[in-house]
Amino acid sequence: QVRLVESGGGLVQPGESLRLSCVASVSIFSLATMTWYRQVEGKERELAASITSGGSTNYADFAKGRFTVSRDNAKNSVYLQMNSLKPEDTAVYYCYFSSPITGSYWGQGTQVTVSS
């Protein structure tokens, strides 16, 4: 069983930044692909950004140029730096762990609200 704990969400004004963190309770964190998803109320969950074990990244179109995903394998952590936030970025953001060894797991989510 892999436990993922997200943090860093909150209420910010348009144009401000947030940094989300996700810590995984697993020894093979460095072998996993880590993904941030988000879910707007009433809509399906969508990929925001991902980072492979080798450090390759992938971003949704809405995230390109504003969001940056990174990882610190020594801390079993993945981060999502979100800049120039917009009201439409308001969502619950989830951390997703995927490894061929242990399978896939979701975090509990952290709420991000962008409002003036």
Protein backbone atom coordinates (compact mmCIF):
# COMPACT_ATOMS: atom_id res chain seq x y z
CA GLN A 1 0.00 0.00 0.00
CA VAL A 2 1.31 3.42 -1.00
CA ARG A 3 0.14 6.48 0.91
CA LEU A 4 0.26 9.87 -0.79
CA VAL A 5 -0.19 13.08 1.14
CA GLU A 6 -0.71 16.34 -0.72
CA SER A 7 -0.33 19.80 0.73
CA GLY A 8 0.03 23.39 -0.36
CA GLY A 9 -3.44 24.16 -1.62
CA GLY A 10 -5.35 27.21 -0.57
CA LEU A 11 -7.07 30.42 -1.59
CA VAL A 12 -5.12 32.86 -3.74
CA GLN A 13 -5.92 35.82 -5.94
CA PRO A 14 -5.60 35.72 -9.73
CA GLY A 15 -1.99 36.11 -10.82
CA GLU A 16 -0.56 34.67 -7.63
CA SER A 17 1.35 31.42 -7.18
CA LEU A 18 1.07 28.22 -5.22
CA ARG A 19 3.37 25.26 -4.77
CA LEU A 20 1.76 21.90 -4.20
CA SER A 21 3.66 19.06 -2.58
CA CYS A 22 3.03 15.34 -2.47
CA VAL A 23 4.93 12.96 -0.24
CA ALA A 24 4.82 9.21 -0.92
CA SER A 25 5.31 6.54 1.72
CA VAL A 26 7.14 4.07 -0.47
CA SER A 27 10.76 3.04 -0.86
CA ILE A 28 10.67 2.80 -4.65
CA PHE A 29 9.49 6.35 -5.21
CA SER A 30 12.39 7.02 -7.57
CA LEU A 31 11.10 4.36 -9.98
CA ALA A 32 7.61 5.78 -10.28
CA THR A 33 6.01 8.17 -12.67
CA MET A 34 4.31 10.91 -10.68
CA THR A 35 1.39 12.82 -12.06
CA TRP A 36 -0.68 15.76 -10.94
CA TYR A 37 -4.34 15.70 -11.94
CA ARG A 38 -7.04 18.18 -11.21
CA GLN A 39 -10.79 18.00 -11.04
CA VAL A 40 -13.07 20.94 -11.42
CA GLU A 41 -16.41 20.49 -9.70
CA GLY A 42 -18.83 18.81 -12.03
CA LYS A 43 -16.16 17.85 -14.54
CA GLU A 44 -13.93 14.86 -15.16
CA ARG A 45 -10.47 14.60 -13.65
CA GLU A 46 -7.79 15.80 -16.06
CA LEU A 47 -4.01 15.53 -16.24
CA ALA A 48 -2.09 18.68 -15.36
CA ALA A 49 1.53 17.54 -15.40
CA SER A 50 3.64 14.43 -15.02
CA ILE A 51 7.26 13.52 -14.41
CA THR A 52 8.87 10.17 -15.07
CA SER A 53 11.52 8.41 -13.05
CA GLY A 54 14.06 9.78 -15.49
CA GLY A 55 12.85 13.33 -15.09
CA SER A 56 10.97 13.71 -18.35
CA THR A 57 7.98 15.99 -17.99
CA ASN A 58 4.67 16.38 -19.74
CA TYR A 59 2.14 19.19 -19.41
CA ALA A 60 -1.45 19.79 -20.35
CA ASP A 61 -1.93 22.74 -22.65
CA PHE A 62 -3.42 24.83 -19.83
CA ALA A 63 -0.32 24.19 -17.72
CA LYS A 64 2.37 24.94 -20.27
CA GLY A 65 4.33 28.04 -19.43
CA ARG A 66 2.67 28.46 -16.01
CA PHE A 67 3.09 25.17 -14.13
CA THR A 68 6.31 23.31 -13.37
CA VAL A 69 6.46 19.76 -12.07
CA SER A 70 9.56 18.56 -10.24
CA ARG A 71 10.60 15.78 -7.91
CA ASP A 72 13.02 15.17 -5.08
CA ASN A 73 13.63 11.43 -4.83
CA ALA A 74 15.59 11.84 -1.60
CA LYS A 75 12.42 13.20 -0.01
CA ASN A 76 9.98 10.91 -1.84
CA SER A 77 8.29 14.08 -3.01
CA VAL A 78 6.85 15.60 -6.13
CA TYR A 79 5.95 19.25 -6.52
CA LEU A 80 3.76 21.38 -8.72
CA GLN A 81 4.72 25.03 -8.93
CA MET A 82 1.78 26.98 -10.27
CA ASN A 83 2.28 30.56 -11.37
CA SER A 84 -0.02 33.18 -12.85
CA LEU A 85 -3.02 31.36 -11.48
CA LYS A 86 -6.42 31.99 -13.02
CA PRO A 87 -9.93 31.51 -11.64
CA GLU A 88 -10.36 28.58 -14.03
CA ASP A 89 -7.49 26.81 -12.23
CA THR A 90 -9.80 26.39 -9.25
CA ALA A 91 -10.02 22.65 -8.65
CA VAL A 92 -9.03 19.81 -6.39
CA TYR A 93 -5.52 18.75 -7.31
CA TYR A 94 -4.54 15.11 -6.91
CA CYS A 95 -1.21 13.37 -6.80
CA TYR A 96 -1.02 10.05 -8.67
CA PHE A 97 1.67 7.42 -8.19
CA SER A 98 2.27 4.83 -10.87
CA SER A 99 4.81 2.01 -10.80
CA PRO A 100 4.87 -1.39 -12.54
CA ILE A 101 6.02 -2.87 -9.23
CA THR A 102 3.39 -1.58 -6.82
CA GLY A 103 0.62 -0.39 -9.09
CA SER A 104 -1.14 2.95 -9.00
CA TYR A 105 -2.42 5.06 -6.15
CA TRP A 106 -4.19 8.39 -5.63
CA GLY A 107 -3.72 10.98 -2.96
CA GLN A 108 -6.65 12.52 -1.14
CA GLY A 109 -6.45 15.80 -3.05
CA THR A 110 -5.84 19.39 -2.09
CA GLN A 111 -8.18 22.26 -2.90
CA VAL A 112 -6.90 25.20 -4.91
CA THR A 113 -9.17 28.21 -5.15
CA VAL A 114 -8.30 31.22 -7.27
CA SER A 115 -10.59 34.14 -6.59
CA SER A 116 -10.48 37.86 -6.04
